[in-house]
Amino acid sequence: MKESYIVQPTVVWTKDRNQAYVDGADAAFTVVRDWFLEKSGHTFNLEPADAMYWPPGKPASFYGIATSIPCDENEIIYLLVVGADVGGGTYGGKALGCPYSTVPGRACGSGGSVAVMAGLDPEEEGFPPQPWFHNELHEIHGSIAHEIGHCVGMPHPEDRLTTFMGSQWHLFPDQAISDAEMKVIRKSPFFHPSFGKRRKS
């Protein structure tokens, strides 16, 4: 049975399934879950990585995949698209055609970043080098934490250089959480002081 408010990593296959991607997602999101607890005293309920198939003939856009999943205001869906270079942005509920407002959003990792999570070489998997990371796992962890922050309503800070919601995401696990970000974490029903605690709306 799923917890009341969850983060759900979802591996999206556009080619042959590789269990390494699912295992890598579980490991990476566990690291980020533990980081939030250590840094803020609060963290999220994490479901085991799910998987879905996306037919190769259909355009593998983040918006197209995200809107194919039913709306649920108690889930943050984090898509991990294998076999396509899809943007990594976050969309709130209204942008997805959901009846609730902007929280929770949905996020997306794709291409080489998902290969790095799985311990694979992105270039050998057919993904060219990306300008925003250097094939280092700690940067992928930082990007996951950053996008989950967006999903619960955190903007980029005015000073883009100071916290995990600014440009410090790539310094994981040493980046800071600001007082304003801490307030969002402590008020969000997606975060709680221990693993497995149910939060009611």
N, C-alpha and C. Protein backbone atom coordinates (compact mmCIF):
# COMPACT_ATOMS: atom_id res chain seq x y z
N MET A 1 0.84 -1.20 0.00
CA MET A 1 0.00 0.00 0.00
C MET A 1 0.88 1.25 0.00
N LYS A 2 0.58 2.19 -0.86
CA LYS A 2 1.37 3.40 -0.96
C LYS A 2 1.08 4.35 0.20
N GLU A 3 2.10 5.15 0.56
CA GLU A 3 1.92 6.17 1.59
C GLU A 3 1.01 7.28 1.06
N SER A 4 0.57 8.16 1.96
CA SER A 4 -0.38 9.21 1.58
C SER A 4 0.23 10.18 0.58
N TYR A 5 1.48 10.60 0.81
CA TYR A 5 2.17 11.51 -0.10
C TYR A 5 3.49 10.85 -0.47
N ILE A 6 3.75 10.70 -1.75
CA ILE A 6 4.92 9.92 -2.16
C ILE A 6 5.69 10.61 -3.29
N VAL A 7 6.95 10.21 -3.41
CA VAL A 7 7.76 10.49 -4.59
C VAL A 7 7.91 9.17 -5.33
N GLN A 8 7.53 9.18 -6.60
CA GLN A 8 7.50 7.95 -7.40
C GLN A 8 8.43 8.07 -8.59
N PRO A 9 9.66 7.52 -8.50
CA PRO A 9 10.49 7.47 -9.71
C PRO A 9 9.87 6.50 -10.71
N THR A 10 9.84 6.90 -11.97
CA THR A 10 9.24 6.06 -13.00
C THR A 10 10.15 6.00 -14.22
N VAL A 11 10.73 4.83 -14.44
CA VAL A 11 11.59 4.63 -15.60
C VAL A 11 10.71 4.41 -16.82
N VAL A 12 10.96 5.19 -17.87
CA VAL A 12 10.16 5.11 -19.10
C VAL A 12 11.04 4.48 -20.19
N TRP A 13 10.62 3.31 -20.67
CA TRP A 13 11.38 2.60 -21.69
C TRP A 13 10.94 3.04 -23.08
N THR A 14 11.90 3.45 -23.90
CA THR A 14 11.61 3.67 -25.32
C THR A 14 12.38 2.67 -26.18
N LYS A 15 13.10 1.78 -25.50
CA LYS A 15 13.80 0.70 -26.21
C LYS A 15 13.85 -0.47 -25.24
N ASP A 16 14.75 -1.42 -25.45
CA ASP A 16 14.78 -2.62 -24.63
C ASP A 16 14.97 -2.30 -23.15
N ARG A 17 14.23 -3.02 -22.31
CA ARG A 17 14.32 -2.84 -20.87
C ARG A 17 15.68 -3.30 -20.35
N ASN A 18 16.22 -2.53 -19.40
CA ASN A 18 17.47 -2.88 -18.74
C ASN A 18 17.26 -2.67 -17.25
N GLN A 19 17.30 -3.74 -16.47
CA GLN A 19 17.03 -3.65 -15.04
C GLN A 19 17.99 -2.72 -14.32
N ALA A 20 19.17 -2.49 -14.90
CA ALA A 20 20.14 -1.60 -14.27
C ALA A 20 19.58 -0.19 -14.09
N TYR A 21 18.71 0.25 -15.00
CA TYR A 21 18.12 1.57 -14.88
C TYR A 21 17.17 1.64 -13.68
N VAL A 22 16.39 0.61 -13.46
CA VAL A 22 15.48 0.58 -12.32
C VAL A 22 16.27 0.54 -11.01
N ASP A 23 17.28 -0.33 -10.96
CA ASP A 23 18.11 -0.43 -9.75
C ASP A 23 18.85 0.87 -9.49
N GLY A 24 19.34 1.50 -10.55
CA GLY A 24 20.03 2.78 -10.39
C GLY A 24 19.13 3.87 -9.88
N ALA A 25 17.88 3.89 -10.35
CA ALA A 25 16.91 4.87 -9.87
C ALA A 25 16.63 4.67 -8.39
N ASP A 26 16.41 3.43 -7.97
CA ASP A 26 16.17 3.16 -6.55
C ASP A 26 17.34 3.66 -5.70
N ALA A 27 18.56 3.37 -6.12
CA ALA A 27 19.73 3.76 -5.35
C ALA A 27 19.88 5.28 -5.31
N ALA A 28 19.71 5.95 -6.44
CA ALA A 28 19.91 7.40 -6.51
C ALA A 28 18.87 8.15 -5.67
N PHE A 29 17.62 7.75 -5.77
CA PHE A 29 16.57 8.44 -5.02
C PHE A 29 16.67 8.16 -3.52
N THR A 30 17.19 7.00 -3.14
CA THR A 30 17.43 6.72 -1.73
C THR A 30 18.49 7.66 -1.17
N VAL A 31 19.55 7.91 -1.93
CA VAL A 31 20.58 8.85 -1.51
C VAL A 31 19.99 10.23 -1.29
N VAL A 32 19.14 10.68 -2.20
CA VAL A 32 18.54 12.02 -2.09
C VAL A 32 17.57 12.08 -0.92
N ARG A 33 16.77 11.03 -0.73
CA ARG A 33 15.87 10.97 0.42
C ARG A 33 16.65 11.13 1.73
N ASP A 34 17.76 10.39 1.85
CA ASP A 34 18.56 10.44 3.06
C ASP A 34 19.22 11.81 3.24
N TRP A 35 19.60 12.43 2.12
CA TRP A 35 20.22 13.76 2.19
C TRP A 35 19.26 14.79 2.76
N PHE A 36 18.02 14.77 2.30
CA PHE A 36 17.03 15.72 2.83
C PHE A 36 16.86 15.54 4.33
N LEU A 37 16.81 14.29 4.79
CA LEU A 37 16.63 14.04 6.22
C LEU A 37 17.82 14.56 7.01
N GLU A 38 19.03 14.33 6.50
CA GLU A 38 20.23 14.80 7.20
C GLU A 38 20.30 16.32 7.22
N LYS A 39 19.95 16.96 6.10
CA LYS A 39 20.12 18.42 5.99
C LYS A 39 18.99 19.20 6.65
N SER A 40 17.77 18.68 6.60
CA SER A 40 16.62 19.47 7.05
C SER A 40 15.86 18.85 8.22
N GLY A 41 16.13 17.59 8.52
CA GLY A 41 15.36 16.90 9.54
C GLY A 41 14.03 16.38 9.03
N HIS A 42 13.75 16.58 7.73
CA HIS A 42 12.53 16.11 7.10
C HIS A 42 12.88 15.45 5.77
N THR A 43 12.05 14.50 5.35
CA THR A 43 12.28 13.89 4.05
C THR A 43 10.96 13.38 3.48
N PHE A 44 11.03 12.71 2.34
CA PHE A 44 9.83 12.27 1.64
C PHE A 44 9.69 10.76 1.68
N ASN A 45 8.46 10.28 1.51
CA ASN A 45 8.21 8.85 1.34
C ASN A 45 8.56 8.47 -0.09
N LEU A 46 9.42 7.49 -0.22
CA LEU A 46 9.92 7.06 -1.53
C LEU A 46 9.36 5.70 -1.87
N GLU A 47 8.70 5.62 -3.02
CA GLU A 47 8.22 4.34 -3.54
C GLU A 47 9.32 3.68 -4.38
N PRO A 48 9.35 2.35 -4.44
CA PRO A 48 10.28 1.69 -5.35
C PRO A 48 10.05 2.17 -6.79
N ALA A 49 11.13 2.23 -7.55
CA ALA A 49 11.01 2.71 -8.93
C ALA A 49 10.00 1.88 -9.72
N ASP A 50 9.13 2.58 -10.41
CA ASP A 50 8.14 1.96 -11.28
C ASP A 50 8.70 1.97 -12.70
N ALA A 51 8.00 1.36 -13.62
CA ALA A 51 8.44 1.36 -15.02
C ALA A 51 7.23 1.39 -15.93
N MET A 52 7.37 2.07 -17.05
CA MET A 52 6.32 2.10 -18.07
C MET A 52 6.98 2.09 -19.45
N TYR A 53 6.25 1.63 -20.42
CA TYR A 53 6.77 1.54 -21.79
C TYR A 53 6.18 2.66 -22.63
N TRP A 54 7.02 3.30 -23.41
CA TRP A 54 6.58 4.36 -24.32
C TRP A 54 6.93 3.93 -25.73
N PRO A 55 5.95 3.69 -26.60
CA PRO A 55 6.23 3.15 -27.93
C PRO A 55 7.21 4.03 -28.71
N PRO A 56 8.17 3.42 -29.39
CA PRO A 56 9.17 4.20 -30.12
C PRO A 56 8.58 5.12 -31.17
N GLY A 57 7.43 4.78 -31.72
CA GLY A 57 6.82 5.62 -32.75
C GLY A 57 6.20 6.90 -32.25
N LYS A 58 5.96 6.99 -30.93
CA LYS A 58 5.35 8.18 -30.35
C LYS A 58 6.45 9.16 -29.93
N PRO A 59 6.27 10.46 -30.19
CA PRO A 59 7.28 11.43 -29.75
C PRO A 59 7.49 11.35 -28.24
N ALA A 60 8.75 11.22 -27.82
CA ALA A 60 9.05 11.06 -26.39
C ALA A 60 9.30 12.41 -25.74
N SER A 61 8.28 13.26 -25.73
CA SER A 61 8.39 14.55 -25.07
C SER A 61 7.98 14.41 -23.61
N PHE A 62 8.59 15.22 -22.74
CA PHE A 62 8.24 15.18 -21.33
C PHE A 62 6.76 15.48 -21.14
N TYR A 63 6.27 16.51 -21.81
CA TYR A 63 4.86 16.88 -21.64
C TYR A 63 3.94 15.76 -22.11
N GLY A 64 4.28 15.14 -23.23
CA GLY A 64 3.45 14.05 -23.74
C GLY A 64 3.40 12.87 -22.79
N ILE A 65 4.56 12.50 -22.24
CA ILE A 65 4.60 11.38 -21.31
C ILE A 65 3.93 11.75 -19.99
N ALA A 66 4.22 12.94 -19.48
CA ALA A 66 3.67 13.35 -18.18
C ALA A 66 2.15 13.43 -18.20
N THR A 67 1.58 13.91 -19.30
CA THR A 67 0.12 14.04 -19.36
C THR A 67 -0.58 12.71 -19.62
N SER A 68 0.19 11.66 -19.93
CA SER A 68 -0.42 10.34 -20.12
C SER A 68 -0.68 9.63 -18.80
N ILE A 69 -0.14 10.18 -17.71
CA ILE A 69 -0.27 9.57 -16.38
C ILE A 69 -1.41 10.27 -15.65
N PRO A 70 -2.35 9.52 -15.04
CA PRO A 70 -3.47 10.15 -14.35
C PRO A 70 -3.03 11.13 -13.27
N CYS A 71 -3.79 12.20 -13.10
CA CYS A 71 -3.49 13.20 -12.08
C CYS A 71 -3.66 12.60 -10.69
N ASP A 72 -2.76 12.95 -9.80
CA ASP A 72 -2.84 12.52 -8.40
C ASP A 72 -2.09 13.55 -7.56
N GLU A 73 -2.83 14.33 -6.77
CA GLU A 73 -2.19 15.40 -6.01
C GLU A 73 -1.37 14.89 -4.83
N ASN A 74 -1.37 13.58 -4.61
CA ASN A 74 -0.56 13.00 -3.54
C ASN A 74 0.72 12.35 -4.05
N GLU A 75 1.01 12.50 -5.34
CA GLU A 75 2.20 11.88 -5.92
C GLU A 75 3.05 12.91 -6.66
N ILE A 76 4.34 12.84 -6.44
CA ILE A 76 5.31 13.50 -7.30
C ILE A 76 5.85 12.42 -8.23
N ILE A 77 5.56 12.53 -9.51
CA ILE A 77 6.05 11.57 -10.50
C ILE A 77 7.35 12.12 -11.07
N TYR A 78 8.42 11.37 -10.92
CA TYR A 78 9.72 11.78 -11.47
C TYR A 78 10.05 10.82 -12.61
N LEU A 79 9.89 11.28 -13.84
CA LEU A 79 10.10 10.45 -15.02
C LEU A 79 11.58 10.33 -15.35
N LEU A 80 12.02 9.13 -15.66
CA LEU A 80 13.39 8.85 -16.06
C LEU A 80 13.32 8.18 -17.43
N VAL A 81 13.52 8.97 -18.46
CA VAL A 81 13.25 8.51 -19.82
C VAL A 81 14.50 7.89 -20.43
N VAL A 82 14.45 6.60 -20.71
CA VAL A 82 15.57 5.87 -21.31
C VAL A 82 15.37 5.83 -22.82
N GLY A 83 16.40 6.20 -23.57
CA GLY A 83 16.33 6.09 -25.02
C GLY A 83 15.96 7.37 -25.73
N ALA A 84 15.88 8.47 -24.98
CA ALA A 84 15.57 9.76 -25.61
C ALA A 84 16.17 10.87 -24.77
N ASP A 85 16.60 11.94 -25.43
CA ASP A 85 17.05 13.13 -24.71
C ASP A 85 15.88 14.08 -24.58
N VAL A 86 15.24 14.04 -23.42
CA VAL A 86 14.05 14.84 -23.16
C VAL A 86 14.41 15.87 -22.10
N GLY A 87 13.82 17.05 -22.18
CA GLY A 87 14.11 18.12 -21.24
C GLY A 87 13.88 17.72 -19.80
N GLY A 88 14.57 18.38 -18.87
CA GLY A 88 14.50 18.01 -17.47
C GLY A 88 13.67 18.93 -16.61
N GLY A 89 12.76 19.67 -17.19
CA GLY A 89 12.00 20.65 -16.44
C GLY A 89 10.91 20.06 -15.57
N THR A 90 10.19 20.93 -14.90
CA THR A 90 9.11 20.52 -14.00
C THR A 90 7.84 21.25 -14.41
N TYR A 91 6.75 20.52 -14.46
CA TYR A 91 5.46 21.12 -14.75
C TYR A 91 4.56 20.97 -13.53
N GLY A 92 3.82 22.02 -13.19
CA GLY A 92 2.84 21.93 -12.12
C GLY A 92 1.55 21.30 -12.60
N GLY A 93 0.61 21.14 -11.67
CA GLY A 93 -0.62 20.45 -11.98
C GLY A 93 -1.43 21.08 -13.10
N LYS A 94 -1.56 22.42 -13.09
CA LYS A 94 -2.37 23.09 -14.11
C LYS A 94 -1.80 22.87 -15.51
N ALA A 95 -0.48 22.91 -15.62
CA ALA A 95 0.15 22.70 -16.92
C ALA A 95 -0.08 21.29 -17.44
N LEU A 96 -0.38 20.36 -16.55
CA LEU A 96 -0.63 18.99 -16.94
C LEU A 96 -2.10 18.70 -17.15
N GLY A 97 -2.95 19.72 -17.03
CA GLY A 97 -4.38 19.54 -17.20
C GLY A 97 -5.05 18.94 -15.98
N CYS A 98 -4.40 19.02 -14.81
CA CYS A 98 -4.96 18.47 -13.59
C CYS A 98 -5.84 19.50 -12.88
N PRO A 99 -6.79 19.06 -12.06
CA PRO A 99 -7.71 19.99 -11.41
C PRO A 99 -7.10 20.77 -10.26
N TYR A 100 -5.95 20.31 -9.73
CA TYR A 100 -5.31 21.04 -8.64
C TYR A 100 -4.33 22.05 -9.21
N SER A 101 -3.77 22.87 -8.33
CA SER A 101 -2.98 24.00 -8.81
C SER A 101 -1.57 23.58 -9.21
N THR A 102 -0.55 24.24 -8.72
CA THR A 102 0.80 24.01 -9.24
C THR A 102 1.57 22.94 -8.48
N VAL A 103 1.11 22.53 -7.30
CA VAL A 103 1.82 21.52 -6.52
C VAL A 103 0.95 20.29 -6.38
N PRO A 104 1.43 19.09 -6.59
CA PRO A 104 2.82 18.81 -6.93
C PRO A 104 3.09 18.89 -8.43
N GLY A 105 4.34 19.18 -8.74
CA GLY A 105 4.74 19.13 -10.14
C GLY A 105 5.23 17.75 -10.51
N ARG A 106 5.72 17.63 -11.73
CA ARG A 106 6.37 16.41 -12.19
C ARG A 106 7.71 16.79 -12.80
N ALA A 107 8.68 15.93 -12.65
CA ALA A 107 10.01 16.23 -13.13
C ALA A 107 10.46 15.14 -14.09
N CYS A 108 11.58 15.41 -14.76
CA CYS A 108 12.05 14.46 -15.77
C CYS A 108 13.57 14.48 -15.84
N GLY A 109 14.16 13.30 -15.80
CA GLY A 109 15.56 13.12 -16.12
C GLY A 109 15.64 12.22 -17.34
N SER A 110 16.65 12.39 -18.16
CA SER A 110 16.66 11.59 -19.39
C SER A 110 18.07 11.44 -19.92
N GLY A 111 18.15 10.70 -21.01
CA GLY A 111 19.39 10.56 -21.73
C GLY A 111 20.54 10.11 -20.85
N GLY A 112 21.65 10.83 -20.95
CA GLY A 112 22.86 10.44 -20.25
C GLY A 112 22.71 10.43 -18.75
N SER A 113 21.88 11.31 -18.19
CA SER A 113 21.76 11.37 -16.73
C SER A 113 21.21 10.07 -16.17
N VAL A 114 20.27 9.44 -16.85
CA VAL A 114 19.70 8.18 -16.38
C VAL A 114 20.72 7.05 -16.53
N ALA A 115 21.54 7.11 -17.56
CA ALA A 115 22.59 6.11 -17.72
C ALA A 115 23.60 6.20 -16.57
N VAL A 116 23.95 7.42 -16.17
CA VAL A 116 24.89 7.59 -15.05
C VAL A 116 24.31 6.99 -13.78
N MET A 117 23.01 7.20 -13.53
CA MET A 117 22.36 6.59 -12.36
C MET A 117 22.54 5.08 -12.37
N ALA A 118 22.50 4.48 -13.55
CA ALA A 118 22.58 3.03 -13.68
C ALA A 118 24.01 2.52 -13.67
N GLY A 119 24.99 3.43 -13.54
CA GLY A 119 26.38 3.02 -13.55
C GLY A 119 26.90 2.68 -14.93
N LEU A 120 26.24 3.20 -15.96
CA LEU A 120 26.63 2.93 -17.35
C LEU A 120 27.29 4.15 -17.98
N ASP A 121 28.02 3.95 -19.02
CA ASP A 121 28.67 5.04 -19.74
C ASP A 121 27.67 5.66 -20.71
N PRO A 122 27.31 6.94 -20.54
CA PRO A 122 26.30 7.54 -21.41
C PRO A 122 26.64 7.46 -22.89
N GLU A 123 27.90 7.69 -23.23
CA GLU A 123 28.26 7.67 -24.64
C GLU A 123 28.14 6.27 -25.23
N GLU A 124 28.50 5.25 -24.44
CA GLU A 124 28.33 3.88 -24.92
C GLU A 124 26.85 3.52 -25.07
N GLU A 125 26.00 4.19 -24.28
CA GLU A 125 24.56 3.96 -24.38
C GLU A 125 23.91 4.80 -25.48
N GLY A 126 24.73 5.62 -26.15
CA GLY A 126 24.22 6.41 -27.28
C GLY A 126 23.82 7.82 -26.95
N PHE A 127 24.25 8.34 -25.78
CA PHE A 127 23.91 9.71 -25.39
C PHE A 127 25.15 10.58 -25.43
N PRO A 128 25.11 11.69 -26.16
CA PRO A 128 26.28 12.57 -26.24
C PRO A 128 26.51 13.29 -24.92
N PRO A 129 27.73 13.81 -24.71
CA PRO A 129 28.00 14.58 -23.48
C PRO A 129 27.04 15.75 -23.35
N GLN A 130 26.65 16.05 -22.12
CA GLN A 130 25.73 17.16 -21.85
C GLN A 130 26.49 18.31 -21.21
N PRO A 131 26.12 19.57 -21.53
CA PRO A 131 26.86 20.70 -20.95
C PRO A 131 26.58 20.93 -19.47
N TRP A 132 25.48 20.36 -18.95
CA TRP A 132 25.11 20.70 -17.57
C TRP A 132 25.65 19.73 -16.53
N PHE A 133 26.23 18.61 -16.95
CA PHE A 133 26.88 17.74 -15.97
C PHE A 133 28.02 16.99 -16.64
N HIS A 134 28.89 16.40 -15.81
CA HIS A 134 30.11 15.79 -16.33
C HIS A 134 30.13 14.28 -16.06
N ASN A 135 28.95 13.67 -16.21
CA ASN A 135 28.84 12.22 -16.03
C ASN A 135 29.23 11.77 -14.62
N GLU A 136 28.98 12.65 -13.64
CA GLU A 136 29.31 12.32 -12.26
C GLU A 136 28.02 12.11 -11.48
N LEU A 137 27.97 11.02 -10.71
CA LEU A 137 26.75 10.64 -10.03
C LEU A 137 26.29 11.69 -9.02
N HIS A 138 27.23 12.34 -8.34
CA HIS A 138 26.81 13.33 -7.34
C HIS A 138 26.04 14.48 -7.99
N GLU A 139 26.36 14.81 -9.24
CA GLU A 139 25.61 15.85 -9.92
C GLU A 139 24.18 15.40 -10.23
N ILE A 140 24.00 14.13 -10.55
CA ILE A 140 22.66 13.60 -10.78
C ILE A 140 21.86 13.64 -9.49
N HIS A 141 22.48 13.27 -8.38
CA HIS A 141 21.79 13.37 -7.08
C HIS A 141 21.35 14.81 -6.82
N GLY A 142 22.25 15.76 -7.08
CA GLY A 142 21.90 17.16 -6.86
C GLY A 142 20.77 17.63 -7.74
N SER A 143 20.74 17.16 -8.99
CA SER A 143 19.66 17.58 -9.90
C SER A 143 18.32 16.98 -9.46
N ILE A 144 18.34 15.75 -8.92
CA ILE A 144 17.10 15.15 -8.41
C ILE A 144 16.56 15.97 -7.25
N ALA A 145 17.44 16.31 -6.29
CA ALA A 145 17.01 17.12 -5.15
C ALA A 145 16.44 18.46 -5.61
N HIS A 146 17.09 19.08 -6.58
CA HIS A 146 16.66 20.38 -7.12
C HIS A 146 15.26 20.28 -7.73
N GLU A 147 15.04 19.26 -8.56
CA GLU A 147 13.74 19.14 -9.23
C GLU A 147 12.63 18.75 -8.25
N ILE A 148 12.93 17.95 -7.25
CA ILE A 148 11.92 17.66 -6.22
C ILE A 148 11.54 18.95 -5.49
N GLY A 149 12.53 19.82 -5.26
CA GLY A 149 12.23 21.12 -4.67
C GLY A 149 11.23 21.90 -5.50
N HIS A 150 11.43 21.92 -6.83
CA HIS A 150 10.46 22.58 -7.70
C HIS A 150 9.08 21.94 -7.58
N CYS A 151 9.05 20.62 -7.48
CA CYS A 151 7.77 19.90 -7.45
C CYS A 151 6.94 20.25 -6.22
N VAL A 152 7.59 20.68 -5.13
CA VAL A 152 6.83 21.08 -3.94
C VAL A 152 6.70 22.60 -3.83
N GLY A 153 7.06 23.32 -4.89
CA GLY A 153 6.79 24.75 -4.94
C GLY A 153 7.96 25.67 -4.72
N MET A 154 9.17 25.16 -4.69
CA MET A 154 10.33 26.04 -4.47
C MET A 154 10.78 26.66 -5.79
N PRO A 155 10.95 27.99 -5.82
CA PRO A 155 11.49 28.64 -7.03
C PRO A 155 13.01 28.65 -6.98
N HIS A 156 13.61 29.13 -8.07
CA HIS A 156 15.03 29.45 -8.00
C HIS A 156 15.19 30.66 -7.09
N PRO A 157 16.19 30.69 -6.22
CA PRO A 157 16.39 31.85 -5.36
C PRO A 157 16.88 33.05 -6.17
N GLU A 158 16.65 34.24 -5.62
CA GLU A 158 17.12 35.45 -6.32
C GLU A 158 18.63 35.40 -6.49
N ASP A 159 19.32 34.96 -5.44
CA ASP A 159 20.76 34.75 -5.55
C ASP A 159 20.96 33.33 -6.03
N ARG A 160 21.17 33.14 -7.31
CA ARG A 160 21.20 31.80 -7.91
C ARG A 160 22.42 30.99 -7.47
N LEU A 161 23.34 31.60 -6.70
CA LEU A 161 24.59 30.92 -6.39
C LEU A 161 24.61 30.25 -5.02
N THR A 162 23.54 30.35 -4.24
CA THR A 162 23.68 30.05 -2.82
C THR A 162 23.16 28.69 -2.35
N THR A 163 22.18 28.08 -2.98
CA THR A 163 21.55 26.90 -2.39
C THR A 163 21.33 25.79 -3.43
N PHE A 164 20.78 24.68 -2.95
CA PHE A 164 20.51 23.56 -3.86
C PHE A 164 19.45 23.91 -4.89
N MET A 165 18.63 24.94 -4.64
CA MET A 165 17.66 25.39 -5.62
C MET A 165 18.26 26.43 -6.58
N GLY A 166 19.48 26.84 -6.31
CA GLY A 166 20.21 27.69 -7.24
C GLY A 166 21.25 26.84 -7.96
N SER A 167 22.41 27.43 -8.21
CA SER A 167 23.42 26.72 -8.99
C SER A 167 24.29 25.80 -8.14
N GLN A 168 24.00 25.69 -6.84
CA GLN A 168 24.79 24.79 -6.01
C GLN A 168 24.36 23.33 -6.11
N TRP A 169 23.33 23.04 -6.89
CA TRP A 169 22.84 21.66 -6.96
C TRP A 169 23.95 20.68 -7.34
N HIS A 170 24.91 21.14 -8.16
CA HIS A 170 25.96 20.24 -8.64
C HIS A 170 27.02 19.96 -7.58
N LEU A 171 26.94 20.64 -6.42
CA LEU A 171 27.89 20.42 -5.33
C LEU A 171 27.43 19.34 -4.36
N PHE A 172 26.33 18.67 -4.67
CA PHE A 172 25.80 17.61 -3.80
C PHE A 172 26.94 16.69 -3.33
N PRO A 173 26.97 16.35 -2.03
CA PRO A 173 25.96 16.59 -0.98
C PRO A 173 26.23 17.80 -0.10
N ASP A 174 27.10 18.70 -0.55
CA ASP A 174 27.56 19.79 0.32
C ASP A 174 26.82 21.10 0.14
N GLN A 175 25.81 21.14 -0.73
CA GLN A 175 25.12 22.41 -0.94
C GLN A 175 24.19 22.74 0.22
N ALA A 176 23.81 24.01 0.31
CA ALA A 176 23.02 24.50 1.43
C ALA A 176 21.53 24.46 1.14
N ILE A 177 20.74 24.54 2.21
CA ILE A 177 19.29 24.76 2.14
C ILE A 177 19.02 26.07 2.87
N SER A 178 18.40 27.03 2.20
CA SER A 178 18.15 28.34 2.82
C SER A 178 17.01 28.26 3.82
N ASP A 179 16.87 29.32 4.63
CA ASP A 179 15.76 29.38 5.60
C ASP A 179 14.42 29.34 4.88
N ALA A 180 14.30 30.05 3.75
CA ALA A 180 13.04 30.07 3.00
C ALA A 180 12.72 28.67 2.46
N GLU A 181 13.74 27.97 1.95
CA GLU A 181 13.53 26.61 1.45
C GLU A 181 13.17 25.65 2.58
N MET A 182 13.79 25.87 3.75
CA MET A 182 13.49 25.03 4.89
C MET A 182 12.03 25.18 5.31
N LYS A 183 11.49 26.39 5.22
CA LYS A 183 10.08 26.62 5.57
C LYS A 183 9.16 25.84 4.63
N VAL A 184 9.49 25.82 3.33
CA VAL A 184 8.68 25.07 2.38
C VAL A 184 8.72 23.58 2.72
N ILE A 185 9.91 23.08 2.99
CA ILE A 185 10.07 21.66 3.33
C ILE A 185 9.22 21.30 4.54
N ARG A 186 9.26 22.13 5.57
CA ARG A 186 8.58 21.80 6.82
C ARG A 186 7.07 21.97 6.74
N LYS A 187 6.60 22.76 5.78
CA LYS A 187 5.15 22.92 5.61
C LYS A 187 4.56 21.94 4.60
N SER A 188 5.39 21.40 3.73
CA SER A 188 4.88 20.54 2.66
C SER A 188 4.41 19.20 3.21
N PRO A 189 3.24 18.73 2.77
CA PRO A 189 2.80 17.39 3.20
C PRO A 189 3.66 16.27 2.63
N PHE A 190 4.51 16.59 1.65
CA PHE A 190 5.38 15.57 1.08
C PHE A 190 6.61 15.30 1.95
N PHE A 191 6.87 16.17 2.92
CA PHE A 191 8.03 16.00 3.78
C PHE A 191 7.59 15.78 5.21
N HIS A 192 8.35 14.98 5.95
CA HIS A 192 7.99 14.61 7.31
C HIS A 192 9.27 14.25 8.05
N PRO A 193 9.23 14.16 9.39
CA PRO A 193 10.46 13.95 10.16
C PRO A 193 11.02 12.54 10.15
N SER A 194 10.35 11.57 9.54
CA SER A 194 10.88 10.21 9.54
C SER A 194 10.34 9.44 8.34
N PHE A 195 10.99 8.33 8.00
CA PHE A 195 10.54 7.51 6.89
C PHE A 195 9.21 6.85 7.22
N GLY A 196 8.36 6.77 6.23
CA GLY A 196 7.15 5.97 6.36
C GLY A 196 6.04 6.60 7.17
N LYS A 197 6.18 7.87 7.55
CA LYS A 197 5.11 8.51 8.32
C LYS A 197 4.07 9.06 7.37
N ARG A 198 2.81 8.75 7.63
CA ARG A 198 1.73 9.23 6.78
C ARG A 198 1.35 10.65 7.16
N ARG A 199 1.16 11.48 6.14
CA ARG A 199 0.71 12.85 6.35
C ARG A 199 -0.65 13.01 5.71
N LYS A 200 -1.61 13.52 6.45
CA LYS A 200 -2.94 13.74 5.92
C LYS A 200 -3.09 15.19 5.49
N SER A 201 -3.87 15.39 4.40
CA SER A 201 -4.09 16.76 3.91
C SER A 201 -5.14 17.44 4.78
